[in-house]
Amino acid sequence: MSLPTTVSMDGLPERITIYEVGARDGLQNEKAVVPTEVKAEFVRRLLASGLETVETTSFVPPSWIPQLADAPALLEQLGEAGTGVRRPVLVPNERGLDNALAAGVGAIAIFGSATETFARKNLNRSVEESIAMFTPVVERAREAGMWVRAYVSMCFGDPWEGEVPVEQVVDVSKRLMDLGCDQLSIGDTIGVGTAGHVVRLLDALQDKGIGVESTAVHFHDTYGQALSNTIAALQQGITVVDASTGGLGGCPYAKSATGNLATEDLVWACEGLGIETGVNLSTLVETSTWMATQLGRPSPSRVVRALAQTDSKENA
């Protein structure tokens, strides 16, 4: 497999952590039900590629996201590979936390919104009510020794409300982090953000005491900006980047949200910049190609498609 020429740039980290969301965020919007056995194999292949942090599933009511209704069965199949602080699961409320604790997981994520409309559509609660709902979840999780992440969605734009003021995003982010969360992930749920906007938001978070060391970025590629936004974030000192193998994903409550930043595209860029990820790109591409076969459609990842074409020509 060909790799890019490595040419480093000043102001970038030597190493980043990829927070892999393909098994949860990537599959939650699939129309066809993906068998539990396939999901478990997907997670195992992701881990074998060198990805250390993999968000495996979500303990949400089956009526919300039927695709993830098999969370307990999936974690049972994964065994020790599905637990620990490197295997977070998403939980929306205390019932979800109870299920996560029963499954023996060591890390959870809560999912807030920077806008009122999306909070209502996603959680059937206002922003204020959702924070109140998350408060005992975080408290109990920390008491149990869990690592806790806070997602904030619609940080760069909302399909119903339009532009989202930076100050509004910062306020919600700070309130969630003040609950006792270990990490904040700022999400461009509908992919409308651009690099300058990313820098502006990260600076504003820093001014409120939420530093880059506790912040991750989560970009969708609706307008082809996910990778450029990520590089801008890395230049600001970010070292944790959310990505989805094969570029899978979307949001069941925001139809304009297309796929996540493809993990392969991120790894290719990092290879070219001399940034260590710990990921074997060849193994990851094989995993993505395998998963695309399971889903019955080509991988959206540009790197996967390009390398597949290259391999076909070389083998011709």
Protein backbone atom coordinates (compact mmCIF):
# COMPACT_ATOMS: atom_id res chain seq x y z
CA MET A 1 0.00 0.00 0.00
CA SER A 2 1.31 3.44 -0.92
CA LEU A 3 1.60 6.10 1.77
CA PRO A 4 2.00 9.87 1.44
CA THR A 5 5.38 11.56 1.58
CA THR A 6 5.94 12.79 5.11
CA VAL A 7 6.44 16.56 5.33
CA SER A 8 5.86 17.98 8.79
CA MET A 9 4.54 21.44 9.63
CA ASP A 10 5.26 23.67 12.59
CA GLY A 11 2.64 24.00 15.28
CA LEU A 12 1.24 20.49 15.08
CA PRO A 13 1.29 17.79 17.78
CA GLU A 14 3.66 14.85 17.48
CA ARG A 15 0.89 12.38 18.28
CA ILE A 16 -2.90 12.38 18.46
CA THR A 17 -5.51 10.04 19.87
CA ILE A 18 -8.25 8.98 17.49
CA TYR A 19 -11.56 8.51 19.27
CA GLU A 20 -13.25 5.99 16.98
CA VAL A 21 -17.02 6.41 16.74
CA GLY A 22 -17.78 4.10 13.81
CA ALA A 23 -19.33 1.30 15.84
CA ARG A 24 -21.80 3.66 17.54
CA ASP A 25 -22.23 6.94 15.67
CA GLY A 26 -21.34 5.29 12.40
CA LEU A 27 -23.96 2.55 12.58
CA GLN A 28 -26.79 4.25 14.47
CA ASN A 29 -28.33 5.72 11.33
CA GLU A 30 -28.26 2.58 9.19
CA LYS A 31 -31.65 1.65 7.75
CA ALA A 32 -31.04 -2.08 7.86
CA VAL A 33 -30.33 -3.77 11.16
CA VAL A 34 -26.69 -4.79 11.40
CA PRO A 35 -26.36 -8.18 13.15
CA THR A 36 -24.75 -8.13 16.58
CA GLU A 37 -22.11 -10.58 15.42
CA VAL A 38 -21.08 -8.21 12.64
CA LYS A 39 -20.84 -5.30 15.07
CA ALA A 40 -18.68 -7.33 17.43
CA GLU A 41 -16.37 -8.34 14.59
CA PHE A 42 -16.22 -4.70 13.48
CA VAL A 43 -15.04 -3.61 16.93
CA ARG A 44 -12.45 -6.39 17.07
CA ARG A 45 -11.09 -5.40 13.66
CA LEU A 46 -10.93 -1.75 14.71
CA LEU A 47 -8.90 -2.68 17.76
CA ALA A 48 -6.62 -4.89 15.66
CA SER A 49 -5.85 -1.91 13.42
CA GLY A 50 -4.31 -0.09 16.38
CA LEU A 51 -7.23 2.08 17.42
CA GLU A 52 -7.12 2.22 21.21
CA THR A 53 -10.29 4.18 21.96
CA VAL A 54 -13.47 2.78 20.42
CA GLU A 55 -16.96 3.91 21.39
CA THR A 56 -18.84 0.65 21.11
CA THR A 57 -22.58 1.34 21.44
CA SER A 58 -25.31 3.28 23.21
CA PHE A 59 -27.73 2.40 25.99
CA VAL A 60 -30.71 4.31 24.65
CA PRO A 61 -34.33 3.11 24.51
CA PRO A 62 -34.82 0.84 21.47
CA SER A 63 -37.65 3.10 20.30
CA TRP A 64 -35.14 5.97 19.97
CA ILE A 65 -32.46 4.17 17.97
CA PRO A 66 -33.50 0.61 17.06
CA GLN A 67 -30.13 -0.03 15.44
CA LEU A 68 -28.44 0.00 18.86
CA ALA A 69 -31.03 -2.02 20.75
CA ASP A 70 -28.58 -4.92 21.06
CA ALA A 71 -26.10 -3.06 23.30
CA PRO A 72 -26.12 -5.63 26.14
CA ALA A 73 -25.70 -8.53 23.71
CA LEU A 74 -22.89 -6.76 21.88
CA LEU A 75 -20.92 -6.09 25.04
CA GLU A 76 -21.46 -9.67 26.17
CA GLN A 77 -19.99 -10.92 22.89
CA LEU A 78 -17.02 -8.56 23.17
CA GLY A 79 -16.23 -9.56 26.74
CA GLU A 80 -13.15 -7.78 28.13
CA ALA A 81 -12.58 -6.16 24.74
CA GLY A 82 -15.75 -4.12 25.30
CA THR A 83 -14.99 -2.76 28.77
CA GLY A 84 -12.55 -0.35 30.35
CA VAL A 85 -11.92 3.38 30.00
CA ARG A 86 -11.02 2.94 26.32
CA ARG A 87 -14.46 1.52 25.44
CA PRO A 88 -17.02 4.24 26.18
CA VAL A 89 -20.74 3.80 25.66
CA LEU A 90 -23.28 6.57 25.21
CA VAL A 91 -25.93 6.92 27.92
CA PRO A 92 -28.80 9.44 27.86
CA ASN A 93 -30.05 9.13 31.44
CA GLU A 94 -29.80 7.21 34.71
CA ARG A 95 -31.49 4.14 33.27
CA GLY A 96 -28.85 4.05 30.57
CA LEU A 97 -26.18 4.39 33.23
CA ASP A 98 -27.69 1.50 35.18
CA ASN A 99 -27.42 -0.68 32.07
CA ALA A 100 -23.83 0.44 31.48
CA LEU A 101 -22.87 -0.35 35.05
CA ALA A 102 -24.53 -3.76 34.79
CA ALA A 103 -22.51 -4.43 31.64
CA GLY A 104 -19.28 -3.59 33.44
CA VAL A 105 -18.13 -0.76 31.17
CA GLY A 106 -15.60 1.72 32.50
CA ALA A 107 -16.45 4.85 30.54
CA ILE A 108 -19.57 6.66 29.40
CA ALA A 109 -20.50 9.63 27.24
CA ILE A 110 -23.45 11.99 27.60
CA PHE A 111 -24.85 13.85 24.62
CA GLY A 112 -25.94 17.47 25.08
CA SER A 113 -26.97 20.16 22.63
CA ALA A 114 -25.94 23.78 22.16
CA THR A 115 -29.41 24.61 20.82
CA GLU A 116 -32.90 24.34 22.25
CA THR A 117 -34.50 22.88 19.13
CA PHE A 118 -32.10 19.97 18.82
CA ALA A 119 -32.25 19.32 22.56
CA ARG A 120 -36.01 18.91 22.19
CA LYS A 121 -35.73 16.68 19.13
CA ASN A 122 -32.89 14.54 20.45
CA LEU A 123 -33.74 14.28 24.15
CA ASN A 124 -37.30 15.61 24.34
CA ARG A 125 -36.05 18.17 26.85
CA SER A 126 -34.85 21.75 26.93
CA VAL A 127 -31.15 22.45 27.35
CA GLU A 128 -31.78 23.29 31.00
CA GLU A 129 -33.76 20.09 31.56
CA SER A 130 -31.17 17.96 29.79
CA ILE A 131 -28.38 19.30 32.01
CA ALA A 132 -30.52 18.53 35.05
CA MET A 133 -30.99 15.00 33.70
CA PHE A 134 -27.25 14.55 33.17
CA THR A 135 -26.28 15.80 36.65
CA PRO A 136 -26.98 12.57 38.60
CA VAL A 137 -25.66 10.50 35.69
CA VAL A 138 -22.25 12.15 35.90
CA GLU A 139 -22.23 12.15 39.71
CA ARG A 140 -22.99 8.43 39.92
CA ALA A 141 -20.59 7.55 37.12
CA ARG A 142 -17.74 9.37 38.83
CA GLU A 143 -18.58 7.70 42.15
CA ALA A 144 -18.31 4.37 40.32
CA GLY A 145 -14.86 5.32 39.01
CA MET A 146 -15.98 5.82 35.43
CA TRP A 147 -14.38 8.14 32.88
CA VAL A 148 -16.97 10.57 31.51
CA ARG A 149 -17.13 12.43 28.21
CA ALA A 150 -19.58 15.22 27.32
CA TYR A 151 -20.64 15.68 23.71
CA VAL A 152 -22.08 19.01 22.67
CA SER A 153 -23.85 18.91 19.31
CA MET A 154 -24.83 21.73 16.93
CA CYS A 155 -21.76 23.76 17.90
CA PHE A 156 -21.31 25.38 14.48
CA GLY A 157 -24.82 25.57 13.09
CA ASP A 158 -28.31 24.17 13.51
CA PRO A 159 -30.69 23.20 10.66
CA TRP A 160 -33.64 24.74 12.50
CA GLU A 161 -32.04 27.71 14.27
CA GLY A 162 -29.31 28.62 11.80
CA GLU A 163 -26.12 30.19 13.16
CA VAL A 164 -25.26 29.25 16.72
CA PRO A 165 -23.48 31.97 18.74
CA VAL A 166 -20.09 30.92 20.07
CA GLU A 167 -21.04 32.24 23.51
CA GLN A 168 -24.04 29.91 23.56
CA VAL A 169 -21.86 26.89 22.78
CA VAL A 170 -19.35 27.87 25.44
CA ASP A 171 -22.07 28.31 28.07
CA VAL A 172 -23.52 24.83 27.50
CA SER A 173 -20.03 23.29 27.29
CA LYS A 174 -18.94 24.84 30.57
CA ARG A 175 -22.08 23.77 32.37
CA LEU A 176 -21.56 20.17 31.25
CA MET A 177 -17.89 20.17 32.15
CA ASP A 178 -18.70 21.69 35.55
CA LEU A 179 -20.71 18.54 36.29
CA GLY A 180 -17.39 16.71 36.51
CA CYS A 181 -16.83 15.40 32.98
CA ASP A 182 -13.30 14.46 31.98
CA GLN A 183 -13.51 15.44 28.32
CA LEU A 184 -15.57 17.69 26.06
CA SER A 185 -16.24 16.84 22.41
CA ILE A 186 -17.48 19.76 20.33
CA GLY A 187 -19.53 18.59 17.38
CA ASP A 188 -20.25 20.09 13.99
CA THR A 189 -23.34 17.92 13.63
CA ILE A 190 -24.39 19.18 10.19
CA GLY A 191 -20.88 19.90 8.88
CA VAL A 192 -21.23 23.65 8.23
CA GLY A 193 -18.18 24.81 10.20
CA THR A 194 -15.01 26.24 8.67
CA ALA A 195 -11.48 26.57 10.00
CA GLY A 196 -11.77 30.14 11.30
CA HIS A 197 -14.91 29.24 13.18
CA VAL A 198 -13.12 26.30 14.77
CA VAL A 199 -10.27 28.51 16.00
CA ARG A 200 -12.70 31.08 17.34
CA LEU A 201 -14.66 28.50 19.34
CA LEU A 202 -11.56 26.82 20.77
CA ASP A 203 -10.19 30.20 21.85
CA ALA A 204 -13.50 31.04 23.52
CA LEU A 205 -13.54 27.72 25.37
CA GLN A 206 -9.96 28.31 26.50
CA ASP A 207 -10.95 31.73 27.85
CA LYS A 208 -13.59 30.02 30.01
CA GLY A 209 -11.12 27.52 31.42
CA ILE A 210 -11.82 24.59 29.08
CA GLY A 211 -8.38 23.94 27.67
CA VAL A 212 -7.37 21.98 24.60
CA GLU A 213 -6.00 19.21 26.83
CA SER A 214 -9.58 18.31 27.81
CA THR A 215 -11.25 19.04 24.46
CA ALA A 216 -11.87 16.85 21.43
CA VAL A 217 -13.29 17.75 18.02
CA HIS A 218 -16.02 15.94 16.11
CA PHE A 219 -16.57 17.02 12.51
CA HIS A 220 -19.01 15.88 9.86
CA ASP A 221 -18.04 16.16 6.21
CA THR A 222 -21.26 17.50 4.68
CA TYR A 223 -19.45 20.33 2.89
CA GLY A 224 -16.05 18.66 2.66
CA GLN A 225 -14.59 20.66 5.56
CA ALA A 226 -14.03 17.96 8.18
CA LEU A 227 -10.34 17.39 7.49
CA SER A 228 -9.41 21.06 7.09
CA ASN A 229 -11.29 21.86 10.30
CA THR A 230 -9.38 19.08 12.05
CA ILE A 231 -6.00 20.45 10.92
CA ALA A 232 -7.02 23.88 12.21
CA ALA A 233 -7.91 22.31 15.55
CA LEU A 234 -4.59 20.46 15.72
CA GLN A 235 -2.78 23.74 15.13
CA GLN A 236 -4.60 25.07 18.19
CA GLY A 237 -3.27 22.21 20.30
CA ILE A 238 -6.08 19.67 20.07
CA THR A 239 -4.81 16.07 20.36
CA VAL A 240 -8.07 14.07 20.43
CA VAL A 241 -10.04 13.74 17.21
CA ASP A 242 -13.30 11.86 16.69
CA ALA A 243 -13.49 9.88 13.47
CA SER A 244 -15.49 7.04 11.95
CA THR A 245 -13.95 4.22 9.95
CA GLY A 246 -15.19 4.40 6.38
CA GLY A 247 -16.78 7.80 7.01
CA LEU A 248 -19.91 6.08 8.29
CA GLY A 249 -22.47 8.03 10.23
CA GLY A 250 -25.03 10.72 10.44
CA CYS A 251 -27.68 11.69 12.93
CA PRO A 252 -31.17 10.19 13.13
CA TYR A 253 -32.55 13.50 14.41
CA ALA A 254 -30.80 15.84 11.95
CA LYS A 255 -31.35 14.64 8.39
CA SER A 256 -28.84 17.14 6.97
CA ALA A 257 -26.03 15.49 8.94
CA THR A 258 -23.97 13.31 6.63
CA GLY A 259 -20.99 11.12 7.41
CA ASN A 260 -18.32 11.71 9.98
CA LEU A 261 -14.70 12.46 9.21
CA ALA A 262 -13.38 9.16 7.84
CA THR A 263 -10.73 7.63 10.07
CA GLU A 264 -8.71 6.55 7.01
CA ASP A 265 -8.68 10.12 5.65
CA LEU A 266 -7.48 11.39 9.02
CA VAL A 267 -4.75 8.74 9.30
CA TRP A 268 -3.55 9.46 5.73
CA ALA A 269 -3.27 13.18 6.52
CA CYS A 270 -1.44 12.47 9.77
CA GLU A 271 0.96 10.11 8.00
CA GLY A 272 1.80 12.93 5.60
CA LEU A 273 2.31 15.40 8.44
CA GLY A 274 4.43 13.06 10.53
CA ILE A 275 1.82 12.85 13.29
CA GLU A 276 1.70 9.48 15.06
CA THR A 277 -1.69 7.81 15.45
CA GLY A 278 -0.73 4.24 16.29
CA VAL A 279 -3.01 3.03 13.49
CA ASN A 280 -2.04 0.64 10.73
CA LEU A 281 -3.70 2.20 7.68
CA SER A 282 -3.60 -0.98 5.62
CA THR A 283 -5.42 -2.97 8.29
CA LEU A 284 -7.93 -0.18 8.77
CA VAL A 285 -8.69 0.01 5.05
CA GLU A 286 -9.25 -3.74 5.01
CA THR A 287 -11.67 -3.31 7.91
CA SER A 288 -13.52 -0.52 6.15
CA THR A 289 -13.76 -2.53 2.94
CA TRP A 290 -15.07 -5.52 4.88
CA MET A 291 -17.68 -3.39 6.64
CA ALA A 292 -18.78 -1.82 3.36
CA THR A 293 -19.43 -5.33 2.08
CA GLN A 294 -21.55 -6.07 5.15
CA LEU A 295 -23.57 -2.90 4.54
CA GLY A 296 -23.88 -3.52 0.82
CA ARG A 297 -22.41 -0.26 -0.43
CA PRO A 298 -18.98 1.31 -1.11
CA SER A 299 -17.11 3.11 1.63
CA PRO A 300 -17.57 6.92 1.58
CA SER A 301 -13.92 7.38 2.59
CA ARG A 302 -11.90 9.05 -0.16
CA VAL A 303 -8.72 7.29 0.97
CA VAL A 304 -10.39 3.88 0.91
CA ARG A 305 -11.70 4.49 -2.61
CA ALA A 306 -8.37 5.84 -3.86
CA LEU A 307 -6.35 2.97 -2.43
CA ALA A 308 -8.85 0.44 -3.78
CA GLN A 309 -8.37 1.87 -7.27
CA THR A 310 -4.60 1.84 -6.88
CA ASP A 311 -4.59 -1.77 -5.72
CA SER A 312 -6.84 -2.77 -8.63
CA LYS A 313 -4.47 -1.18 -11.15
CA GLU A 314 -1.43 -2.80 -9.55
CA ASN A 315 -3.09 -6.22 -9.61
CA ALA A 316 -4.34 -5.88 -13.18
